[in-house]
């Protein structure tokens, strides 16, 4: 997708491209919210964080340097070859950009199963990391150490009940994982599910987010 839909000659990604990485027709626009997800978020999700962030930076330059526009007031259409704005202000798909942030931090929340996944795809240049985590049931402040061996989640706000975590997926690291809530060790064991590749899954004693403020995951 990056090689064809966002060829180096293009100022902005094209929704459709030829096998040569060219625009298929003059009126083939680039859609900003969609381009951010498919050409920024997708590479990040599949372990190509540097490529995804570079694509996002190129789109940002089209907005700010070519058009001198407001990044918080997104248009929909851009010309891929010139990068010039075409149509659509305050467009309805603008919030889709948040999926790029989700891909970067690698989080998923399966509420019925009580399964929280925290498998960050952050490049070394963004470590150590500290920033917000937004989920439908709760908000939290996430910190990740430079060597990725320590992840901390501080609950900021809960919505409509008390979520309970029963499983945790994390990025695989050498050593044993210790799970703690407010400095108390939580019994846990590795499970066979999701043990391939970069991700490891652990079943743990129930963690009621209504009764604790901080979860710490540390390999050692």
Protein backbone atom coordinates (compact mmCIF):
# COMPACT_ATOMS: atom_id res chain seq x y z
CA UNK A 1 0.00 0.00 0.00
CA UNK A 2 2.77 2.43 0.87
CA UNK A 3 4.72 1.68 -2.31
CA UNK A 4 1.72 2.15 -4.62
CA UNK A 5 -0.81 4.41 -2.90
CA UNK A 6 1.80 6.68 -1.36
CA UNK A 7 4.59 6.63 -3.91
CA UNK A 8 7.48 9.02 -3.08
CA UNK A 9 6.40 11.24 -6.00
CA UNK A 10 2.99 11.87 -4.39
CA UNK A 11 2.44 14.68 -1.90
CA UNK A 12 -0.60 12.92 -0.51
CA UNK A 13 -1.79 9.29 -0.71
CA UNK A 14 -4.20 8.30 -3.48
CA UNK A 15 -7.33 6.28 -2.72
CA UNK A 16 -6.56 4.16 -5.79
CA UNK A 17 -3.26 3.71 -7.61
CA UNK A 18 -1.94 1.97 -10.71
CA UNK A 19 0.65 -0.84 -10.51
CA UNK A 20 3.23 1.87 -11.22
CA UNK A 21 2.22 3.88 -8.17
CA UNK A 22 0.44 6.58 -10.17
CA UNK A 23 -3.00 8.16 -9.89
CA UNK A 24 -5.58 6.17 -11.85
CA UNK A 25 -7.32 9.38 -13.04
CA UNK A 26 -7.29 13.14 -12.50
CA UNK A 27 -10.22 13.08 -10.07
CA UNK A 28 -8.69 10.39 -7.86
CA UNK A 29 -8.47 12.17 -4.53
CA UNK A 30 -6.79 11.26 -1.28
CA UNK A 31 -9.02 11.10 1.81
CA UNK A 32 -7.14 12.32 4.87
CA UNK A 33 -8.83 10.36 7.73
CA UNK A 34 -8.76 7.13 5.72
CA UNK A 35 -5.16 7.65 4.59
CA UNK A 36 -4.04 8.18 8.17
CA UNK A 37 -5.53 4.85 9.21
CA UNK A 38 -4.70 2.61 6.25
CA UNK A 39 -1.26 4.02 5.41
CA UNK A 40 -0.25 5.21 8.88
CA UNK A 41 -2.01 2.92 11.33
CA UNK A 42 -1.78 -0.35 9.39
CA UNK A 43 2.04 -0.36 9.07
CA UNK A 44 2.31 0.55 12.77
CA UNK A 45 0.00 -2.33 13.73
CA UNK A 46 2.11 -4.81 11.74
CA UNK A 47 5.45 -3.81 13.22
CA UNK A 48 6.48 -1.12 10.71
CA UNK A 49 6.16 1.84 13.08
CA UNK A 50 8.87 3.93 11.38
CA UNK A 51 7.18 3.58 7.97
CA UNK A 52 3.75 4.38 9.36
CA UNK A 53 4.97 7.44 11.24
CA UNK A 54 6.83 8.66 8.15
CA UNK A 55 3.60 8.42 6.13
CA UNK A 56 1.74 10.36 8.82
CA UNK A 57 4.46 13.03 8.80
CA UNK A 58 4.14 13.43 5.02
CA UNK A 59 0.37 13.91 5.36
CA UNK A 60 0.94 16.42 8.15
CA UNK A 61 3.26 18.43 5.89
CA UNK A 62 0.57 18.50 3.19
CA UNK A 63 -1.89 19.99 5.69
CA UNK A 64 0.45 22.44 7.39
CA UNK A 65 3.14 23.38 4.86
CA UNK A 66 1.41 23.10 1.48
CA UNK A 67 -2.01 24.36 2.59
CA UNK A 68 -1.13 26.27 5.78
CA UNK A 69 -4.31 24.90 7.32
CA UNK A 70 -5.49 23.91 10.77
CA UNK A 71 -4.76 20.27 11.62
CA UNK A 72 -7.77 20.24 13.96
CA UNK A 73 -10.18 21.20 11.15
CA UNK A 74 -9.75 18.33 8.72
CA UNK A 75 -10.82 18.44 5.12
CA UNK A 76 -11.68 15.20 3.37
CA UNK A 77 -10.27 15.54 -0.17
CA UNK A 78 -6.68 16.32 -1.14
CA UNK A 79 -4.97 16.16 -4.55
CA UNK A 80 -2.33 13.38 -4.32
CA UNK A 81 0.06 14.94 -6.87
CA UNK A 82 -0.03 18.51 -5.54
CA UNK A 83 -1.20 17.99 -1.94
CA UNK A 84 -3.71 20.82 -2.34
CA UNK A 85 -6.99 20.79 -0.41
CA UNK A 86 -10.19 20.19 -2.32
CA UNK A 87 -13.38 19.64 -0.30
CA UNK A 88 -14.89 18.98 3.12
CA UNK A 89 -14.43 20.78 6.43
CA UNK A 90 -15.21 19.36 9.88
CA UNK A 91 -15.64 16.06 8.10
CA UNK A 92 -17.47 13.27 9.93
CA UNK A 93 -14.71 10.63 9.62
CA UNK A 94 -12.06 12.82 11.27
CA UNK A 95 -12.34 10.94 14.63
CA UNK A 96 -11.18 7.78 12.82
CA UNK A 97 -7.66 9.17 13.23
CA UNK A 98 -7.81 7.87 16.83
CA UNK A 99 -7.34 4.33 15.47
CA UNK A 100 -3.75 5.29 14.59
CA UNK A 101 -3.14 6.04 18.27
CA UNK A 102 -4.68 2.69 19.18
CA UNK A 103 -2.39 0.90 16.72
CA UNK A 104 0.65 2.74 18.13
CA UNK A 105 -0.13 1.71 21.71
CA UNK A 106 -1.43 -1.73 20.70
CA UNK A 107 -4.36 -1.85 23.10
CA UNK A 108 -7.58 -3.88 22.91
CA UNK A 109 -10.30 -4.40 25.51
CA UNK A 110 -12.64 -7.41 25.34
CA UNK A 111 -15.11 -6.44 28.05
CA UNK A 112 -17.18 -9.69 28.22
CA UNK A 113 -14.03 -11.80 28.53
CA UNK A 114 -12.25 -9.31 30.78
CA UNK A 115 -9.29 -9.44 28.38
CA UNK A 116 -6.98 -6.41 28.19
CA UNK A 117 -4.22 -6.36 25.58
CA UNK A 118 -1.31 -3.95 25.88
CA UNK A 119 1.13 -4.75 23.07
CA UNK A 120 2.71 -1.38 22.13
CA UNK A 121 4.15 -0.84 18.66
CA UNK A 122 6.16 2.21 19.69
CA UNK A 123 9.51 2.82 17.98
CA UNK A 124 12.56 3.37 20.18
CA UNK A 125 12.43 7.10 19.37
CA UNK A 126 9.18 7.44 21.37
CA UNK A 127 10.46 5.62 24.46
CA UNK A 128 10.13 6.07 27.35
CA UNK A 129 6.44 6.79 26.77
CA UNK A 130 3.76 8.45 28.88
CA UNK A 131 0.27 9.25 27.62
CA UNK A 132 -3.47 8.66 27.93
CA UNK A 133 -5.34 5.46 27.14
CA UNK A 134 -8.99 5.84 26.11
CA UNK A 135 -11.37 2.88 26.38
CA UNK A 136 -15.19 2.75 26.54
CA UNK A 137 -15.20 1.51 30.15
CA UNK A 138 -12.31 3.51 31.58
CA UNK A 139 -9.56 6.04 30.94
CA UNK A 140 -6.02 5.51 32.16
CA UNK A 141 -2.52 7.01 32.07
CA UNK A 142 -0.03 4.65 30.43
CA UNK A 143 3.73 4.68 30.99
CA UNK A 144 6.27 2.40 29.28
CA UNK A 145 9.95 2.15 30.21
CA UNK A 146 12.71 2.72 27.68
CA UNK A 147 13.63 -0.98 27.62
CA UNK A 148 9.91 -1.99 27.39
CA UNK A 149 10.17 -4.26 30.44
CA UNK A 150 7.90 -2.14 32.66
CA UNK A 151 4.38 -0.96 31.85
CA UNK A 152 2.20 0.97 34.28
CA UNK A 153 -1.50 1.78 33.96
CA UNK A 154 -3.05 4.34 36.31
CA UNK A 155 -6.86 4.43 36.20
CA UNK A 156 -8.14 8.00 35.76
CA UNK A 157 -11.88 7.55 35.29
CA UNK A 158 -14.44 4.73 35.03
CA UNK A 159 -17.75 4.72 33.19
CA UNK A 160 -20.87 2.77 34.08
CA UNK A 161 -19.62 0.09 36.41
CA UNK A 162 -16.45 -1.58 37.56
CA UNK A 163 -14.52 -3.40 34.77
CA UNK A 164 -12.81 -6.62 35.82
CA UNK A 165 -9.62 -7.85 34.11
CA UNK A 166 -9.13 -11.63 33.96
CA UNK A 167 -6.62 -11.91 31.11
CA UNK A 168 -3.71 -9.77 30.00
CA UNK A 169 -1.81 -9.84 26.72
CA UNK A 170 1.57 -8.12 26.60
CA UNK A 171 4.57 -7.83 24.32
CA UNK A 172 6.82 -10.84 24.84
CA UNK A 173 9.99 -10.09 26.83
CA UNK A 174 12.75 -12.21 28.39
CA UNK A 175 12.11 -13.25 31.98
CA UNK A 176 8.98 -13.79 34.04
CA UNK A 177 6.09 -11.34 34.13
CA UNK A 178 5.07 -9.94 37.53
CA UNK A 179 1.63 -8.29 37.70
CA UNK A 180 0.99 -5.90 40.58
CA UNK A 181 -1.97 -3.76 41.60
CA UNK A 182 -1.18 -0.94 44.03
CA UNK A 183 2.12 -2.74 44.88
CA UNK A 184 0.42 -6.10 45.57
CA UNK A 185 1.35 -9.12 43.45
CA UNK A 186 -1.49 -10.64 41.42
CA UNK A 187 -1.27 -14.41 40.81
CA UNK A 188 -1.03 -15.15 37.09
CA UNK A 189 0.07 -17.85 34.67
CA UNK A 190 0.87 -17.95 30.97
CA UNK A 191 -1.76 -19.52 28.73
CA UNK A 192 -1.42 -21.26 25.39
CA UNK A 193 -3.55 -18.68 23.58
CA UNK A 194 -1.68 -15.94 21.71
CA UNK A 195 1.79 -17.27 22.52
CA UNK A 196 3.09 -16.91 18.98
CA UNK A 197 5.06 -13.97 17.64
CA UNK A 198 5.44 -10.83 19.76
CA UNK A 199 2.41 -11.40 21.97
CA UNK A 200 2.07 -13.44 25.17
CA UNK A 201 -1.14 -13.99 27.12
CA UNK A 202 -1.58 -14.47 30.87
CA UNK A 203 -4.60 -15.52 32.91
CA UNK A 204 -4.66 -13.68 36.22
CA UNK A 205 -6.69 -13.43 39.40
CA UNK A 206 -9.57 -10.96 38.81
CA UNK A 207 -8.48 -7.32 38.89
CA UNK A 208 -11.45 -5.09 39.75
CA UNK A 209 -10.68 -1.61 38.45
CA UNK A 210 -13.18 -0.21 40.92
CA UNK A 211 -10.95 -1.27 43.83
CA UNK A 212 -7.45 -0.37 42.57
CA UNK A 213 -5.75 2.66 41.08
CA UNK A 214 -2.62 1.30 39.37
CA UNK A 215 -1.61 -1.84 37.48
CA UNK A 216 2.09 -2.53 36.93
CA UNK A 217 3.45 -5.15 34.55
CA UNK A 218 7.16 -5.89 34.86
CA UNK A 219 9.47 -8.51 33.38
CA UNK A 220 12.41 -9.58 35.46
